[in-house]
Amino acid sequence: MVVILRWAVGGALLLLFACVASLNASILWIWYVQKRNAPSRIPLVGGLSGAIGVWVVPVAAAHKWWWVPPVVDLGCLLAIVQLVVYQLVDRRRQ
């Protein structure tokens, strides 16, 4: 029963990751390639749900790949890069 629950929760989280990551990719495509206005991206939600989903599924070999969803989701990746840059600039000012 626990295995089925882990597959269901992990699968739902990975499905959420796929939806949000594809939405973020399409928004960035509209912004940077087509040069049109687009709705704002959804930072961190897709990457974090994907990372948690990878940890929840009952496949031990998949657990070492937890870092892939935050990197693949462009909205999450850009949010992480912005946070790191902000912290580095803020430390230099002090």
Protein backbone atom coordinates (compact mmCIF):
# COMPACT_ATOMS: atom_id res chain seq x y z
CA MET A 1 0.00 0.00 0.00
CA VAL A 2 2.81 2.41 0.85
CA VAL A 3 4.50 1.75 -2.48
CA ILE A 4 1.33 2.61 -4.36
CA LEU A 5 0.95 5.80 -2.35
CA ARG A 6 4.56 6.77 -3.03
CA TRP A 7 4.04 6.20 -6.77
CA ALA A 8 0.81 8.21 -6.75
CA VAL A 9 2.26 11.17 -4.83
CA GLY A 10 5.57 11.08 -6.69
CA GLY A 11 3.80 10.82 -10.03
CA ALA A 12 1.52 13.75 -9.21
CA LEU A 13 4.48 15.88 -8.15
CA LEU A 14 6.40 14.96 -11.30
CA LEU A 15 3.34 15.76 -13.42
CA LEU A 16 3.10 19.16 -11.71
CA PHE A 17 6.80 19.68 -12.44
CA ALA A 18 6.31 18.84 -16.12
CA CYS A 19 3.37 21.25 -16.44
CA VAL A 20 5.06 24.15 -14.65
CA ALA A 21 8.40 23.61 -16.40
CA SER A 22 6.76 23.60 -19.83
CA LEU A 23 4.78 26.72 -18.91
CA ASN A 24 7.96 28.49 -17.77
CA ALA A 25 9.77 27.45 -20.94
CA SER A 26 6.96 28.79 -23.13
CA ILE A 27 6.90 32.08 -21.19
CA LEU A 28 10.65 32.52 -21.62
CA TRP A 29 10.33 31.67 -25.32
CA ILE A 30 7.69 34.38 -25.73
CA TRP A 31 9.80 36.94 -23.80
CA TYR A 32 13.24 36.36 -25.28
CA VAL A 33 12.65 34.90 -28.73
CA GLN A 34 9.37 36.39 -29.88
CA LYS A 35 9.96 39.67 -27.95
CA ARG A 36 6.32 39.88 -26.81
CA ASN A 37 4.74 40.48 -23.45
CA ALA A 38 3.93 37.31 -21.52
CA PRO A 39 2.58 36.44 -18.10
CA SER A 40 5.17 36.11 -15.36
CA ARG A 41 6.94 32.84 -14.78
CA ILE A 42 6.35 30.63 -11.76
CA PRO A 43 9.66 30.43 -9.87
CA LEU A 44 10.66 27.46 -7.70
CA VAL A 45 7.30 25.61 -7.81
CA GLY A 46 8.14 23.31 -10.71
CA GLY A 47 11.72 22.59 -9.75
CA LEU A 48 10.95 21.93 -6.10
CA SER A 49 7.94 19.73 -6.86
CA GLY A 50 10.06 17.76 -9.31
CA ALA A 51 12.89 17.33 -6.81
CA ILE A 52 10.46 16.17 -4.11
CA GLY A 53 8.74 13.89 -6.62
CA VAL A 54 12.04 12.24 -7.49
CA TRP A 55 12.69 11.65 -3.77
CA VAL A 56 9.21 10.23 -3.15
CA VAL A 57 9.09 7.61 -5.91
CA PRO A 58 10.15 4.19 -4.61
CA VAL A 59 13.11 3.82 -6.97
CA ALA A 60 16.40 4.14 -5.09
CA ALA A 61 18.40 4.79 -8.27
CA ALA A 62 16.26 7.85 -9.05
CA HIS A 63 16.99 9.56 -5.73
CA LYS A 64 20.48 10.68 -6.79
CA TRP A 65 18.89 12.68 -9.64
CA TRP A 66 16.94 15.05 -7.34
CA TRP A 67 18.91 18.03 -8.70
CA VAL A 68 17.78 17.61 -12.33
CA PRO A 69 14.24 19.10 -12.07
CA PRO A 70 15.40 22.45 -10.56
CA VAL A 71 17.98 22.78 -13.35
CA VAL A 72 15.62 21.75 -16.17
CA ASP A 73 12.84 24.09 -15.02
CA LEU A 74 13.97 27.45 -16.39
CA GLY A 75 11.80 29.41 -13.97
CA CYS A 76 13.43 27.69 -11.00
CA LEU A 77 16.92 27.95 -12.47
CA LEU A 78 16.56 31.68 -13.10
CA ALA A 79 15.21 32.22 -9.57
CA ILE A 80 18.20 30.39 -8.07
CA VAL A 81 20.66 32.36 -10.22
CA GLN A 82 18.98 35.65 -9.27
CA LEU A 83 19.13 34.73 -5.59
CA VAL A 84 22.83 33.84 -5.76
CA VAL A 85 23.71 37.02 -7.67
CA TYR A 86 21.69 39.14 -5.24
CA GLN A 87 23.45 37.59 -2.26
CA LEU A 88 26.89 38.09 -3.80
CA VAL A 89 26.19 41.74 -4.66
CA ASP A 90 24.68 42.37 -1.23
CA ARG A 91 27.76 40.93 0.51
CA ARG A 92 30.08 43.13 -1.55
CA ARG A 93 28.16 46.24 -0.52
CA GLN A 94 28.60 45.49 3.16
